[in-house]
PDB file of N, CA and C in Angstrom:
ATOM      1  N   UNK A   1       0.841  -1.180   0.000  1.00  0.00           N
ATOM      2  CA  UNK A   1       0.000   0.000   0.000  1.00  0.00           C
ATOM      3  C   UNK A   1       0.886   1.244   0.000  1.00  0.00           C
ATOM      4  N   UNK A   2       0.498   2.262  -0.699  1.00  0.00           N
ATOM      5  CA  UNK A   2       1.228   3.515  -0.778  1.00  0.00           C
ATOM      6  C   UNK A   2       0.466   4.602  -0.035  1.00  0.00           C
ATOM      7  N   UNK A   3       1.182   5.655   0.323  1.00  0.00           N
ATOM      8  CA  UNK A   3       0.577   6.756   1.052  1.00  0.00           C
ATOM      9  C   UNK A   3      -0.602   7.328   0.268  1.00  0.00           C
ATOM     10  N   UNK A   4      -0.466   7.397  -1.031  1.00  0.00           N
ATOM     11  CA  UNK A   4      -1.547   7.976  -1.849  1.00  0.00           C
ATOM     12  C   UNK A   4      -2.842   7.164  -1.746  1.00  0.00           C
ATOM     13  N   UNK A   5      -2.736   5.904  -1.321  1.00  0.00           N
ATOM     14  CA  UNK A   5      -3.911   5.040  -1.210  1.00  0.00           C
ATOM     15  C   UNK A   5      -4.587   5.120   0.157  1.00  0.00           C
ATOM     16  N   UNK A   6      -3.982   5.836   1.099  1.00  0.00           N
ATOM     17  CA  UNK A   6      -4.527   5.930   2.452  1.00  0.00           C
ATOM     18  C   UNK A   6      -5.655   6.951   2.521  1.00  0.00           C
ATOM     19  N   UNK A   7      -6.595   6.682   3.401  1.00  0.00           N
ATOM     20  CA  UNK A   7      -7.627   7.678   3.680  1.00  0.00           C
ATOM     21  C   UNK A   7      -7.017   8.729   4.607  1.00  0.00           C
ATOM     22  N   UNK A   8      -7.714   9.815   4.781  1.00  0.00           N
ATOM     23  CA  UNK A   8      -7.232  10.868   5.680  1.00  0.00           C
ATOM     24  C   UNK A   8      -7.052  10.329   7.093  1.00  0.00           C
ATOM     25  N   UNK A   9      -8.006   9.557   7.567  1.00  0.00           N
ATOM     26  CA  UNK A   9      -7.903   8.988   8.917  1.00  0.00           C
ATOM     27  C   UNK A   9      -6.739   8.015   9.030  1.00  0.00           C
ATOM     28  N   UNK A  10      -6.515   7.215   8.014  1.00  0.00           N
ATOM     29  CA  UNK A  10      -5.390   6.265   8.027  1.00  0.00           C
ATOM     30  C   UNK A  10      -4.061   7.015   8.025  1.00  0.00           C
ATOM     31  N   UNK A  11      -3.970   8.089   7.246  1.00  0.00           N
ATOM     32  CA  UNK A  11      -2.738   8.885   7.205  1.00  0.00           C
ATOM     33  C   UNK A  11      -2.488   9.538   8.557  1.00  0.00           C
ATOM     34  N   UNK A  12      -3.522  10.092   9.162  1.00  0.00           N
ATOM     35  CA  UNK A  12      -3.382  10.688  10.488  1.00  0.00           C
ATOM     36  C   UNK A  12      -2.910   9.650  11.503  1.00  0.00           C
ATOM     37  N   UNK A  13      -3.477   8.457  11.441  1.00  0.00           N
ATOM     38  CA  UNK A  13      -3.084   7.392  12.361  1.00  0.00           C
ATOM     39  C   UNK A  13      -1.619   7.003  12.147  1.00  0.00           C
ATOM     40  N   UNK A  14      -1.206   6.946  10.892  1.00  0.00           N
ATOM     41  CA  UNK A  14       0.186   6.610  10.577  1.00  0.00           C
ATOM     42  C   UNK A  14       1.134   7.682  11.110  1.00  0.00           C
ATOM     43  N   UNK A  15       0.773   8.929  10.902  1.00  0.00           N
ATOM     44  CA  UNK A  15       1.609  10.032  11.397  1.00  0.00           C
ATOM     45  C   UNK A  15       1.665  10.002  12.914  1.00  0.00           C
ATOM     46  N   UNK A  16       0.528   9.819  13.557  1.00  0.00           N
ATOM     47  CA  UNK A  16       0.469   9.765  15.030  1.00  0.00           C
ATOM     48  C   UNK A  16       1.361   8.638  15.555  1.00  0.00           C
ATOM     49  N   UNK A  17       1.278   7.482  14.944  1.00  0.00           N
ATOM     50  CA  UNK A  17       2.092   6.335  15.359  1.00  0.00           C
ATOM     51  C   UNK A  17       3.577   6.628  15.179  1.00  0.00           C
ATOM     52  N   UNK A  18       3.929   7.242  14.067  1.00  0.00           N
ATOM     53  CA  UNK A  18       5.329   7.568  13.793  1.00  0.00           C
ATOM     54  C   UNK A  18       5.863   8.577  14.803  1.00  0.00           C
ATOM     55  N   UNK A  19       5.079   9.619  15.075  1.00  0.00           N
ATOM     56  CA  UNK A  19       5.500  10.632  16.046  1.00  0.00           C
ATOM     57  C   UNK A  19       5.666   9.999  17.424  1.00  0.00           C
ATOM     58  N   UNK A  20       4.757   9.145  17.808  1.00  0.00           N
ATOM     59  CA  UNK A  20       4.837   8.459  19.107  1.00  0.00           C
ATOM     60  C   UNK A  20       6.109   7.630  19.203  1.00  0.00           C
ATOM     61  N   UNK A  21       6.440   6.892  18.159  1.00  0.00           N
ATOM     62  CA  UNK A  21       7.664   6.081  18.153  1.00  0.00           C
ATOM     63  C   UNK A  21       8.903   6.948  18.297  1.00  0.00           C
ATOM     64  N   UNK A  22       8.946   8.060  17.574  1.00  0.00           N
ATOM     65  CA  UNK A  22      10.105   8.957  17.630  1.00  0.00           C
ATOM     66  C   UNK A  22      10.238   9.558  19.024  1.00  0.00           C
ATOM     67  N   UNK A  23       9.135  10.011  19.599  1.00  0.00           N
ATOM     68  CA  UNK A  23       9.181  10.588  20.941  1.00  0.00           C
ATOM     69  C   UNK A  23       9.635   9.565  21.976  1.00  0.00           C
ATOM     70  N   UNK A  24       9.170   8.343  21.855  1.00  0.00           N
ATOM     71  CA  UNK A  24       9.594   7.300  22.790  1.00  0.00           C
ATOM     72  C   UNK A  24      11.094   7.059  22.688  1.00  0.00           C
ATOM     73  N   UNK A  25      11.642   7.112  21.481  1.00  0.00           N
ATOM     74  CA  UNK A  25      13.083   6.937  21.303  1.00  0.00           C
ATOM     75  C   UNK A  25      13.854   8.065  21.983  1.00  0.00           C
ATOM     76  N   UNK A  26      13.375   9.305  21.830  1.00  0.00           N
ATOM     77  CA  UNK A  26      14.061  10.452  22.416  1.00  0.00           C
ATOM     78  C   UNK A  26      13.928  10.493  23.928  1.00  0.00           C
ATOM     79  N   UNK A  27      12.808  10.031  24.445  1.00  0.00           N
ATOM     80  CA  UNK A  27      12.548  10.127  25.878  1.00  0.00           C
ATOM     81  C   UNK A  27      12.984   8.884  26.646  1.00  0.00           C
ATOM     82  N   UNK A  28      13.489   7.897  25.956  1.00  0.00           N
ATOM     83  CA  UNK A  28      13.923   6.657  26.597  1.00  0.00           C
ATOM     84  C   UNK A  28      15.078   6.941  27.553  1.00  0.00           C
ATOM     85  N   UNK A  29      15.055   6.329  28.713  1.00  0.00           N
ATOM     86  CA  UNK A  29      16.105   6.501  29.712  1.00  0.00           C
ATOM     87  C   UNK A  29      17.196   5.466  29.475  1.00  0.00           C
ATOM     88  N   UNK A  30      18.382   5.908  29.026  1.00  0.00           N
ATOM     89  CA  UNK A  30      19.453   4.952  28.741  1.00  0.00           C
ATOM     90  C   UNK A  30      19.999   4.263  29.991  1.00  0.00           C
ATOM     91  N   UNK A  31      19.704   4.826  31.163  1.00  0.00           N
ATOM     92  CA  UNK A  31      20.210   4.250  32.415  1.00  0.00           C
ATOM     93  C   UNK A  31      19.180   3.375  33.122  1.00  0.00           C
ATOM     94  N   UNK A  32      18.034   3.198  32.507  1.00  0.00           N
ATOM     95  CA  UNK A  32      16.986   2.400  33.133  1.00  0.00           C
ATOM     96  C   UNK A  32      17.486   0.978  33.407  1.00  0.00           C
ATOM     97  N   UNK A  33      17.256   0.536  34.631  1.00  0.00           N
ATOM     98  CA  UNK A  33      17.646  -0.811  35.012  1.00  0.00           C
ATOM     99  C   UNK A  33      19.081  -0.949  35.493  1.00  0.00           C
ATOM    100  N   UNK A  34      19.855   0.119  35.380  1.00  0.00           N
ATOM    101  CA  UNK A  34      21.245   0.074  35.830  1.00  0.00           C
ATOM    102  C   UNK A  34      21.324   0.445  37.308  1.00  0.00           C
ATOM    103  N   UNK A  35      22.315  -0.082  37.965  1.00  0.00           N
ATOM    104  CA  UNK A  35      22.544   0.200  39.379  1.00  0.00           C
ATOM    105  C   UNK A  35      23.421   1.436  39.531  1.00  0.00           C
ATOM    106  N   UNK A  36      23.152   2.202  40.589  1.00  0.00           N
ATOM    107  CA  UNK A  36      24.003   3.341  40.908  1.00  0.00           C
ATOM    108  C   UNK A  36      25.153   2.822  41.769  1.00  0.00           C
ATOM    109  N   UNK A  37      26.371   3.221  41.394  1.00  0.00           N
ATOM    110  CA  UNK A  37      27.545   2.781  42.154  1.00  0.00           C
ATOM    111  C   UNK A  37      27.459   3.305  43.591  1.00  0.00           C
ATOM    112  N   UNK A  38      27.949   2.529  44.551  1.00  0.00           N
ATOM    113  CA  UNK A  38      27.869   2.931  45.965  1.00  0.00           C
ATOM    114  C   UNK A  38      28.487   4.304  46.227  1.00  0.00           C
ATOM    115  N   UNK A  39      29.610   4.618  45.578  1.00  0.00           N
ATOM    116  CA  UNK A  39      30.252   5.919  45.824  1.00  0.00           C
ATOM    117  C   UNK A  39      29.390   7.073  45.307  1.00  0.00           C
ATOM    118  N   UNK A  40      28.630   6.847  44.242  1.00  0.00           N
ATOM    119  CA  UNK A  40      27.736   7.881  43.721  1.00  0.00           C
ATOM    120  C   UNK A  40      26.559   8.059  44.684  1.00  0.00           C
ATOM    121  N   UNK A  41      26.042   6.951  45.202  1.00  0.00           N
ATOM    122  CA  UNK A  41      24.966   7.042  46.194  1.00  0.00           C
ATOM    123  C   UNK A  41      25.426   7.853  47.400  1.00  0.00           C
ATOM    124  N   UNK A  42      26.658   7.592  47.856  1.00  0.00           N
ATOM    125  CA  UNK A  42      27.198   8.299  49.016  1.00  0.00           C
ATOM    126  C   UNK A  42      27.342   9.784  48.714  1.00  0.00           C
ATOM    127  N   UNK A  43      27.816  10.131  47.518  1.00  0.00           N
ATOM    128  CA  UNK A  43      27.961  11.544  47.145  1.00  0.00           C
ATOM    129  C   UNK A  43      26.594  12.236  47.131  1.00  0.00           C
ATOM    130  N   UNK A  44      25.594  11.544  46.633  1.00  0.00           N
ATOM    131  CA  UNK A  44      24.246  12.116  46.613  1.00  0.00           C
ATOM    132  C   UNK A  44      23.713  12.330  48.034  1.00  0.00           C
ATOM    133  N   UNK A  45      23.954  11.353  48.898  1.00  0.00           N
ATOM    134  CA  UNK A  45      23.520  11.492  50.293  1.00  0.00           C
ATOM    135  C   UNK A  45      24.197  12.690  50.958  1.00  0.00           C
ATOM    136  N   UNK A  46      25.506  12.816  50.736  1.00  0.00           N
ATOM    137  CA  UNK A  46      26.261  13.921  51.327  1.00  0.00           C
ATOM    138  C   UNK A  46      25.777  15.262  50.796  1.00  0.00           C
ATOM    139  N   UNK A  47      25.496  15.317  49.511  1.00  0.00           N
ATOM    140  CA  UNK A  47      25.004  16.548  48.898  1.00  0.00           C
ATOM    141  C   UNK A  47      23.652  16.945  49.487  1.00  0.00           C
ATOM    142  N   UNK A  48      22.761  15.972  49.635  1.00  0.00           N
ATOM    143  CA  UNK A  48      21.449  16.248  50.218  1.00  0.00           C
ATOM    144  C   UNK A  48      21.588  16.721  51.662  1.00  0.00           C
ATOM    145  N   UNK A  49      22.503  16.106  52.394  1.00  0.00           N
ATOM    146  CA  UNK A  49      22.708  16.483  53.788  1.00  0.00           C
ATOM    147  C   UNK A  49      23.246  17.911  53.888  1.00  0.00           C
ATOM    148  N   UNK A  50      24.208  18.260  53.033  1.00  0.00           N
ATOM    149  CA  UNK A  50      24.750  19.617  53.033  1.00  0.00           C
ATOM    150  C   UNK A  50      23.641  20.637  52.767  1.00  0.00           C
ATOM    151  N   UNK A  51      22.805  20.341  51.783  1.00  0.00           N
ATOM    152  CA  UNK A  51      21.714  21.263  51.438  1.00  0.00           C
ATOM    153  C   UNK A  51      20.712  21.355  52.583  1.00  0.00           C
ATOM    154  N   UNK A  52      20.439  20.216  53.244  1.00  0.00           N
ATOM    155  CA  UNK A  52      19.505  20.225  54.368  1.00  0.00           C
ATOM    156  C   UNK A  52      20.049  21.055  55.526  1.00  0.00           C
ATOM    157  N   UNK A  53      21.366  21.116  55.647  1.00  0.00           N
ATOM    158  CA  UNK A  53      22.010  21.876  56.717  1.00  0.00           C
ATOM    159  C   UNK A  53      22.287  23.322  56.304  1.00  0.00           C
ATOM    160  N   UNK A  54      21.712  23.746  55.186  1.00  0.00           N
ATOM    161  CA  UNK A  54      21.871  25.133  54.760  1.00  0.00           C
ATOM    162  C   UNK A  54      23.060  25.367  53.857  1.00  0.00           C
ATOM    163  N   UNK A  55      23.741  24.300  53.465  1.00  0.00           N
ATOM    164  CA  UNK A  55      24.888  24.448  52.576  1.00  0.00           C
ATOM    165  C   UNK A  55      24.467  24.919  51.200  1.00  0.00           C
ATOM    166  N   UNK A  56      25.420  25.458  50.486  1.00  0.00           N
ATOM    167  CA  UNK A  56      25.155  26.018  49.177  1.00  0.00           C
ATOM    168  C   UNK A  56      25.446  24.980  48.100  1.00  0.00           C
ATOM    169  N   UNK A  57      24.579  24.923  47.111  1.00  0.00           N
ATOM    170  CA  UNK A  57      24.814  24.048  45.961  1.00  0.00           C
ATOM    171  C   UNK A  57      25.778  24.763  45.005  1.00  0.00           C
ATOM    172  N   UNK A  58      26.442  24.013  44.182  1.00  0.00           N
ATOM    173  CA  UNK A  58      27.343  24.601  43.190  1.00  0.00           C
ATOM    174  C   UNK A  58      26.497  25.010  41.990  1.00  0.00           C
ATOM    175  N   UNK A  59      26.549  26.278  41.603  1.00  0.00           N
ATOM    176  CA  UNK A  59      25.764  26.726  40.448  1.00  0.00           C
ATOM    177  C   UNK A  59      26.175  25.988  39.171  1.00  0.00           C
ATOM    178  N   UNK A  60      25.216  25.747  38.306  1.00  0.00           N
ATOM    179  CA  UNK A  60      25.477  25.033  37.058  1.00  0.00           C
ATOM    180  C   UNK A  60      26.551  25.735  36.234  1.00  0.00           C
ATOM    181  N   UNK A  61      26.558  27.058  36.258  1.00  0.00           N
ATOM    182  CA  UNK A  61      27.561  27.811  35.503  1.00  0.00           C
ATOM    183  C   UNK A  61      28.976  27.471  35.962  1.00  0.00           C
ATOM    184  N   UNK A  62      29.129  27.320  37.274  1.00  0.00           N
ATOM    185  CA  UNK A  62      30.444  26.995  37.836  1.00  0.00           C
ATOM    186  C   UNK A  62      30.874  25.579  37.455  1.00  0.00           C
ATOM    187  N   UNK A  63      29.953  24.656  37.516  1.00  0.00           N
ATOM    188  CA  UNK A  63      30.251  23.274  37.130  1.00  0.00           C
ATOM    189  C   UNK A  63      30.670  23.226  35.665  1.00  0.00           C
ATOM    190  N   UNK A  64      29.925  23.913  34.814  1.00  0.00           N
ATOM    191  CA  UNK A  64      30.249  23.944  33.393  1.00  0.00           C
ATOM    192  C   UNK A  64      31.640  24.519  33.179  1.00  0.00           C
ATOM    193  N   UNK A  65      31.958  25.601  33.879  1.00  0.00           N
ATOM    194  CA  UNK A  65      33.272  26.240  33.747  1.00  0.00           C
ATOM    195  C   UNK A  65      34.392  25.282  34.149  1.00  0.00           C
ATOM    196  N   UNK A  66      34.189  24.523  35.230  1.00  0.00           N
ATOM    197  CA  UNK A  66      35.194  23.562  35.695  1.00  0.00           C
ATOM    198  C   UNK A  66      35.510  22.508  34.625  1.00  0.00           C
ATOM    199  N   UNK A  67      34.499  22.162  33.833  1.00  0.00           N
ATOM    200  CA  UNK A  67      34.674  21.127  32.813  1.00  0.00           C
ATOM    201  C   UNK A  67      34.919  21.716  31.423  1.00  0.00           C
ATOM    202  N   UNK A  68      35.146  23.028  31.372  1.00  0.00           N
ATOM    203  CA  UNK A  68      35.437  23.675  30.109  1.00  0.00           C
ATOM    204  C   UNK A  68      34.234  23.769  29.180  1.00  0.00           C
ATOM    205  N   UNK A  69      33.044  23.818  29.775  1.00  0.00           N
ATOM    206  CA  UNK A  69      31.816  23.896  28.977  1.00  0.00           C
ATOM    207  C   UNK A  69      31.224  25.293  29.080  1.00  0.00           C
ATOM    208  N   UNK A  70      30.316  25.584  28.200  1.00  0.00           N
ATOM    209  CA  UNK A  70      29.611  26.857  28.228  1.00  0.00           C
ATOM    210  C   UNK A  70      28.190  26.608  28.673  1.00  0.00           C
ATOM    211  N   UNK A  71      27.773  27.332  29.718  1.00  0.00           N
ATOM    212  CA  UNK A  71      26.404  27.190  30.224  1.00  0.00           C
ATOM    213  C   UNK A  71      25.547  28.292  29.619  1.00  0.00           C
ATOM    214  N   UNK A  72      24.387  27.902  29.113  1.00  0.00           N
ATOM    215  CA  UNK A  72      23.512  28.911  28.502  1.00  0.00           C
ATOM    216  C   UNK A  72      22.212  28.983  29.230  1.00  0.00           C
TER     217      UNK A  72
END
């Protein structure tokens, strides 16, 4: 079957299905099902504790600068 043979409703359904597939590919979590390393868990716990105690978070601009990136 060719696109020219589709009804308007069939074409809309095809487009909707295609868009849904593309969005699912873009929104897929590449880390799903993976374990977080213990040292990363500990760093996250420490970061949360610092923030809970009134500590300051590192601004994204500063992190980007440390890694030679540009923050926009």
